[in-house]
Amino acid sequence: MALITAETAAGQVAFDCENGKKLVLGLEDNGIDILHRCGGNARCTTCRVEILAGDPGPVTEPEQVILSTKEDINERTRLSCQIRVNDNLHIKVMRQVSVDGIDAGPRPVD
C-alpha cells in the first residue's frame, strides 16, 4: 500500500492506495472528482496531476507524446491514468469536475 496525499480544490485528502492501481482510479475511488475525459487512454490530459513528492514511475510513450503537445505543463506534470502507484505520492490535482463544471468522462479501466 502507498500513501497518496492529494491537494484538491476542497483541500488536502490523504488515502491508502494499493500498489499497481492506476492513480486516477485511486483518486476517484476516494472521493476526488478528477476529470478523465478520454477514459484513461492518454489522449486528453484532463487527468493531469503535478507530482510534488514521490516517485510516480516512468513516463509511458503515449503520455510523453500527448504531453509534448501542451504548453501549460512542467517537468512534474503527469497523467494520472498512466501512473501505476508503487510509492507514496504527494500530488496536486489539476482539473476537477467541481471546478470545471463538466462531466468527468468514462471511468478508466484498470
N, C-alpha and C. Protein backbone atom coordinates (compact mmCIF):
# COMPACT_ATOMS: atom_id res chain seq x y z
N MET A 1 0.84 -1.18 0.00
CA MET A 1 0.00 0.00 0.00
C MET A 1 0.88 1.25 0.00
N ALA A 2 0.40 2.25 -0.68
CA ALA A 2 1.10 3.53 -0.74
C ALA A 2 0.18 4.61 -0.19
N LEU A 3 0.76 5.61 0.42
CA LEU A 3 0.00 6.75 0.92
C LEU A 3 -0.02 7.82 -0.17
N ILE A 4 -1.22 8.21 -0.57
CA ILE A 4 -1.39 9.27 -1.56
C ILE A 4 -1.92 10.49 -0.82
N THR A 5 -1.24 11.61 -0.98
CA THR A 5 -1.70 12.87 -0.42
C THR A 5 -1.99 13.78 -1.61
N ALA A 6 -3.26 14.18 -1.71
CA ALA A 6 -3.68 14.96 -2.88
C ALA A 6 -4.14 16.35 -2.46
N GLU A 7 -3.59 17.34 -3.12
CA GLU A 7 -4.05 18.72 -2.96
C GLU A 7 -5.19 18.91 -3.95
N THR A 8 -6.39 19.22 -3.46
CA THR A 8 -7.57 19.34 -4.31
C THR A 8 -8.22 20.70 -4.09
N ALA A 9 -9.24 20.98 -4.89
CA ALA A 9 -9.98 22.24 -4.74
C ALA A 9 -10.66 22.33 -3.38
N ALA A 10 -10.96 21.18 -2.77
CA ALA A 10 -11.63 21.15 -1.47
C ALA A 10 -10.65 21.02 -0.30
N GLY A 11 -9.36 21.03 -0.59
CA GLY A 11 -8.35 20.87 0.46
C GLY A 11 -7.55 19.60 0.27
N GLN A 12 -6.76 19.27 1.26
CA GLN A 12 -5.88 18.11 1.18
C GLN A 12 -6.64 16.84 1.57
N VAL A 13 -6.43 15.79 0.78
CA VAL A 13 -7.04 14.48 1.02
C VAL A 13 -5.91 13.46 1.02
N ALA A 14 -5.88 12.58 2.04
CA ALA A 14 -4.87 11.53 2.11
C ALA A 14 -5.58 10.18 2.19
N PHE A 15 -5.05 9.20 1.48
CA PHE A 15 -5.64 7.86 1.49
C PHE A 15 -4.58 6.82 1.11
N ASP A 16 -4.86 5.59 1.49
CA ASP A 16 -4.01 4.47 1.09
C ASP A 16 -4.48 3.94 -0.24
N CYS A 17 -3.53 3.58 -1.09
CA CYS A 17 -3.84 3.06 -2.42
C CYS A 17 -3.03 1.79 -2.64
N GLU A 18 -3.68 0.76 -3.15
CA GLU A 18 -2.96 -0.49 -3.37
C GLU A 18 -1.93 -0.33 -4.48
N ASN A 19 -0.80 -0.99 -4.31
CA ASN A 19 0.26 -0.95 -5.31
C ASN A 19 -0.25 -1.52 -6.63
N GLY A 20 0.13 -0.88 -7.72
CA GLY A 20 -0.24 -1.32 -9.05
C GLY A 20 -1.54 -0.71 -9.58
N LYS A 21 -2.30 -0.07 -8.73
CA LYS A 21 -3.56 0.55 -9.15
C LYS A 21 -3.28 1.84 -9.90
N LYS A 22 -4.07 2.14 -10.92
CA LYS A 22 -3.94 3.41 -11.62
C LYS A 22 -4.27 4.54 -10.65
N LEU A 23 -3.44 5.56 -10.64
CA LEU A 23 -3.65 6.69 -9.74
C LEU A 23 -5.02 7.33 -9.95
N VAL A 24 -5.45 7.49 -11.19
CA VAL A 24 -6.75 8.11 -11.48
C VAL A 24 -7.88 7.35 -10.78
N LEU A 25 -7.79 6.02 -10.73
CA LEU A 25 -8.83 5.22 -10.08
C LEU A 25 -8.75 5.35 -8.57
N GLY A 26 -7.53 5.40 -8.03
CA GLY A 26 -7.37 5.62 -6.60
C GLY A 26 -7.97 6.95 -6.17
N LEU A 27 -7.73 7.98 -6.96
CA LEU A 27 -8.29 9.29 -6.66
C LEU A 27 -9.81 9.24 -6.69
N GLU A 28 -10.35 8.73 -7.77
CA GLU A 28 -11.81 8.68 -7.92
C GLU A 28 -12.45 7.81 -6.84
N ASP A 29 -11.85 6.67 -6.54
CA ASP A 29 -12.41 5.76 -5.54
C ASP A 29 -12.36 6.35 -4.13
N ASN A 30 -11.60 7.41 -3.95
CA ASN A 30 -11.51 8.05 -2.64
C ASN A 30 -12.17 9.43 -2.63
N GLY A 31 -13.12 9.61 -3.53
CA GLY A 31 -13.99 10.78 -3.50
C GLY A 31 -13.46 12.03 -4.17
N ILE A 32 -12.37 11.92 -4.90
CA ILE A 32 -11.83 13.09 -5.60
C ILE A 32 -12.39 13.08 -7.02
N ASP A 33 -13.05 14.15 -7.40
CA ASP A 33 -13.77 14.22 -8.67
C ASP A 33 -12.87 14.66 -9.83
N ILE A 34 -11.82 13.88 -10.05
CA ILE A 34 -10.84 14.19 -11.10
C ILE A 34 -11.47 13.95 -12.48
N LEU A 35 -11.11 14.80 -13.42
CA LEU A 35 -11.55 14.61 -14.80
C LEU A 35 -10.73 13.51 -15.46
N HIS A 36 -11.36 12.81 -16.40
CA HIS A 36 -10.69 11.78 -17.21
C HIS A 36 -11.52 11.60 -18.48
N ARG A 37 -11.59 12.67 -19.24
CA ARG A 37 -12.49 12.76 -20.39
C ARG A 37 -12.28 11.67 -21.45
N CYS A 38 -11.07 11.17 -21.64
CA CYS A 38 -10.83 10.15 -22.67
C CYS A 38 -10.93 8.74 -22.12
N GLY A 39 -11.29 8.60 -20.86
CA GLY A 39 -11.44 7.27 -20.28
C GLY A 39 -10.13 6.60 -19.93
N GLY A 40 -9.09 7.38 -19.72
CA GLY A 40 -7.81 6.82 -19.29
C GLY A 40 -6.92 6.32 -20.40
N ASN A 41 -7.04 6.91 -21.57
CA ASN A 41 -6.28 6.45 -22.73
C ASN A 41 -5.14 7.37 -23.15
N ALA A 42 -4.74 8.28 -22.28
CA ALA A 42 -3.62 9.19 -22.54
C ALA A 42 -3.82 10.02 -23.80
N ARG A 43 -5.06 10.52 -23.99
CA ARG A 43 -5.34 11.32 -25.18
C ARG A 43 -5.78 12.74 -24.87
N CYS A 44 -6.32 12.98 -23.66
CA CYS A 44 -6.94 14.29 -23.44
C CYS A 44 -6.21 15.18 -22.43
N THR A 45 -5.45 14.64 -21.55
CA THR A 45 -4.68 15.30 -20.49
C THR A 45 -5.54 15.93 -19.39
N THR A 46 -6.85 15.63 -19.34
CA THR A 46 -7.66 16.22 -18.27
C THR A 46 -7.39 15.59 -16.91
N CYS A 47 -6.76 14.44 -16.85
CA CYS A 47 -6.46 13.78 -15.57
C CYS A 47 -5.08 14.14 -15.06
N ARG A 48 -4.50 15.19 -15.60
CA ARG A 48 -3.12 15.51 -15.21
C ARG A 48 -3.02 15.93 -13.74
N VAL A 49 -1.88 15.59 -13.20
CA VAL A 49 -1.54 15.95 -11.82
C VAL A 49 -0.13 16.50 -11.83
N GLU A 50 0.19 17.25 -10.78
CA GLU A 50 1.56 17.70 -10.58
C GLU A 50 2.14 16.87 -9.45
N ILE A 51 3.29 16.26 -9.69
CA ILE A 51 3.95 15.45 -8.67
C ILE A 51 4.74 16.39 -7.77
N LEU A 52 4.33 16.48 -6.51
CA LEU A 52 5.02 17.33 -5.54
C LEU A 52 6.10 16.57 -4.80
N ALA A 53 5.89 15.27 -4.58
CA ALA A 53 6.88 14.40 -3.93
C ALA A 53 6.56 12.95 -4.25
N GLY A 54 7.59 12.12 -4.24
CA GLY A 54 7.41 10.69 -4.50
C GLY A 54 7.81 10.33 -5.92
N ASP A 55 7.85 9.03 -6.18
CA ASP A 55 8.26 8.51 -7.49
C ASP A 55 7.05 7.92 -8.20
N PRO A 56 6.55 8.60 -9.24
CA PRO A 56 5.39 8.09 -9.97
C PRO A 56 5.73 7.02 -11.01
N GLY A 57 7.01 6.69 -11.14
CA GLY A 57 7.43 5.71 -12.14
C GLY A 57 7.73 6.37 -13.47
N PRO A 58 8.09 5.57 -14.45
CA PRO A 58 8.48 6.12 -15.76
C PRO A 58 7.30 6.68 -16.53
N VAL A 59 7.60 7.63 -17.39
CA VAL A 59 6.60 8.20 -18.30
C VAL A 59 6.38 7.21 -19.43
N THR A 60 5.10 6.91 -19.71
CA THR A 60 4.80 5.99 -20.81
C THR A 60 4.94 6.73 -22.14
N GLU A 61 5.11 6.00 -23.22
CA GLU A 61 5.25 6.63 -24.53
C GLU A 61 4.00 7.42 -24.92
N PRO A 62 2.78 6.85 -24.75
CA PRO A 62 1.59 7.65 -25.10
C PRO A 62 1.49 8.93 -24.26
N GLU A 63 1.88 8.84 -23.00
CA GLU A 63 1.85 10.00 -22.12
C GLU A 63 2.84 11.07 -22.60
N GLN A 64 4.03 10.65 -22.93
CA GLN A 64 5.06 11.57 -23.40
C GLN A 64 4.62 12.28 -24.68
N VAL A 65 4.00 11.53 -25.58
CA VAL A 65 3.55 12.09 -26.86
C VAL A 65 2.51 13.17 -26.63
N ILE A 66 1.47 12.90 -25.83
CA ILE A 66 0.40 13.87 -25.64
C ILE A 66 0.87 15.07 -24.82
N LEU A 67 1.70 14.83 -23.80
CA LEU A 67 2.18 15.96 -23.00
C LEU A 67 3.07 16.90 -23.81
N SER A 68 3.76 16.36 -24.82
CA SER A 68 4.64 17.20 -25.65
C SER A 68 3.84 18.19 -26.50
N THR A 69 2.53 17.99 -26.60
CA THR A 69 1.71 18.90 -27.40
C THR A 69 1.13 20.03 -26.55
N LYS A 70 1.36 20.02 -25.26
CA LYS A 70 0.77 21.01 -24.35
C LYS A 70 1.81 22.03 -23.91
N GLU A 71 1.35 23.27 -23.70
CA GLU A 71 2.26 24.35 -23.30
C GLU A 71 2.18 24.66 -21.81
N ASP A 72 1.06 24.35 -21.17
CA ASP A 72 0.84 24.74 -19.78
C ASP A 72 1.23 23.66 -18.77
N ILE A 73 2.33 22.96 -19.03
CA ILE A 73 2.80 21.90 -18.14
C ILE A 73 4.26 22.15 -17.77
N ASN A 74 4.74 21.37 -16.80
CA ASN A 74 6.15 21.43 -16.44
C ASN A 74 6.69 20.02 -16.28
N GLU A 75 7.93 19.89 -15.86
CA GLU A 75 8.57 18.58 -15.77
C GLU A 75 7.96 17.68 -14.70
N ARG A 76 7.13 18.24 -13.84
CA ARG A 76 6.47 17.44 -12.79
C ARG A 76 5.04 17.08 -13.16
N THR A 77 4.60 17.45 -14.36
CA THR A 77 3.24 17.15 -14.81
C THR A 77 3.18 15.72 -15.33
N ARG A 78 2.19 14.97 -14.85
CA ARG A 78 1.98 13.60 -15.30
C ARG A 78 0.49 13.36 -15.51
N LEU A 79 0.16 12.31 -16.23
CA LEU A 79 -1.23 11.89 -16.41
C LEU A 79 -1.52 10.80 -15.39
N SER A 80 -2.54 11.03 -14.56
CA SER A 80 -2.84 10.06 -13.50
C SER A 80 -3.33 8.73 -14.07
N CYS A 81 -3.84 8.73 -15.30
CA CYS A 81 -4.28 7.47 -15.91
C CYS A 81 -3.12 6.60 -16.35
N GLN A 82 -1.93 7.15 -16.39
CA GLN A 82 -0.75 6.41 -16.83
C GLN A 82 0.18 6.03 -15.67
N ILE A 83 -0.16 6.46 -14.47
CA ILE A 83 0.67 6.16 -13.30
C ILE A 83 0.12 4.94 -12.57
N ARG A 84 0.94 3.93 -12.41
CA ARG A 84 0.63 2.77 -11.57
C ARG A 84 1.30 3.03 -10.23
N VAL A 85 0.50 3.15 -9.19
CA VAL A 85 1.01 3.51 -7.86
C VAL A 85 1.93 2.42 -7.32
N ASN A 86 3.13 2.81 -6.92
CA ASN A 86 4.08 1.91 -6.29
C ASN A 86 4.92 2.62 -5.24
N ASP A 87 4.58 3.88 -4.93
CA ASP A 87 5.34 4.67 -3.98
C ASP A 87 4.39 5.69 -3.37
N ASN A 88 4.72 6.15 -2.17
CA ASN A 88 3.95 7.26 -1.58
C ASN A 88 4.07 8.46 -2.51
N LEU A 89 2.96 9.15 -2.73
CA LEU A 89 2.96 10.30 -3.62
C LEU A 89 2.25 11.48 -2.96
N HIS A 90 2.76 12.66 -3.20
CA HIS A 90 2.10 13.90 -2.84
C HIS A 90 1.86 14.60 -4.16
N ILE A 91 0.61 14.84 -4.48
CA ILE A 91 0.26 15.38 -5.79
C ILE A 91 -0.69 16.56 -5.67
N LYS A 92 -0.79 17.31 -6.75
CA LYS A 92 -1.80 18.35 -6.88
C LYS A 92 -2.68 17.94 -8.06
N VAL A 93 -3.98 17.83 -7.81
CA VAL A 93 -4.94 17.50 -8.87
C VAL A 93 -5.21 18.78 -9.65
N MET A 94 -5.00 18.74 -10.95
CA MET A 94 -5.08 19.95 -11.76
C MET A 94 -6.50 20.29 -12.23
N ARG A 95 -7.31 19.27 -12.53
CA ARG A 95 -8.65 19.54 -13.06
C ARG A 95 -9.67 18.64 -12.38
N GLN A 96 -10.75 19.25 -11.94
CA GLN A 96 -11.80 18.53 -11.25
C GLN A 96 -13.18 18.92 -11.77
N VAL A 97 -14.12 17.99 -11.68
CA VAL A 97 -15.49 18.23 -12.11
C VAL A 97 -16.07 19.43 -11.37
N SER A 98 -15.83 19.50 -10.06
CA SER A 98 -16.40 20.58 -9.24
C SER A 98 -15.87 21.95 -9.61
N VAL A 99 -14.74 22.02 -10.26
CA VAL A 99 -14.15 23.29 -10.66
C VAL A 99 -14.49 23.61 -12.12
N ASP A 100 -14.32 22.61 -12.99
CA ASP A 100 -14.52 22.83 -14.43
C ASP A 100 -15.99 22.78 -14.84
N GLY A 101 -16.83 22.12 -14.04
CA GLY A 101 -18.25 22.06 -14.33
C GLY A 101 -18.62 21.23 -15.54
N ILE A 102 -17.79 20.24 -15.88
CA ILE A 102 -18.10 19.34 -16.99
C ILE A 102 -18.08 17.91 -16.50
N ASP A 103 -18.68 17.02 -17.28
CA ASP A 103 -18.73 15.60 -16.94
C ASP A 103 -17.31 15.04 -16.84
N ALA A 104 -17.09 14.16 -15.89
CA ALA A 104 -15.76 13.59 -15.67
C ALA A 104 -15.27 12.79 -16.87
N GLY A 105 -16.18 12.13 -17.59
CA GLY A 105 -15.81 11.23 -18.67
C GLY A 105 -15.98 9.79 -18.24
N PRO A 106 -15.82 8.84 -19.16
CA PRO A 106 -15.99 7.44 -18.79
C PRO A 106 -14.91 6.97 -17.82
N ARG A 107 -15.32 6.11 -16.87
CA ARG A 107 -14.37 5.61 -15.89
C ARG A 107 -13.27 4.80 -16.60
N PRO A 108 -12.02 5.14 -16.32
CA PRO A 108 -10.93 4.36 -16.92
C PRO A 108 -10.96 2.91 -16.44
N VAL A 109 -10.55 2.00 -17.29
CA VAL A 109 -10.45 0.60 -16.90
C VAL A 109 -9.13 0.40 -16.18
N ASP A 110 -9.08 -0.60 -15.33
CA ASP A 110 -7.85 -0.85 -14.56
C ASP A 110 -6.85 -1.64 -15.37
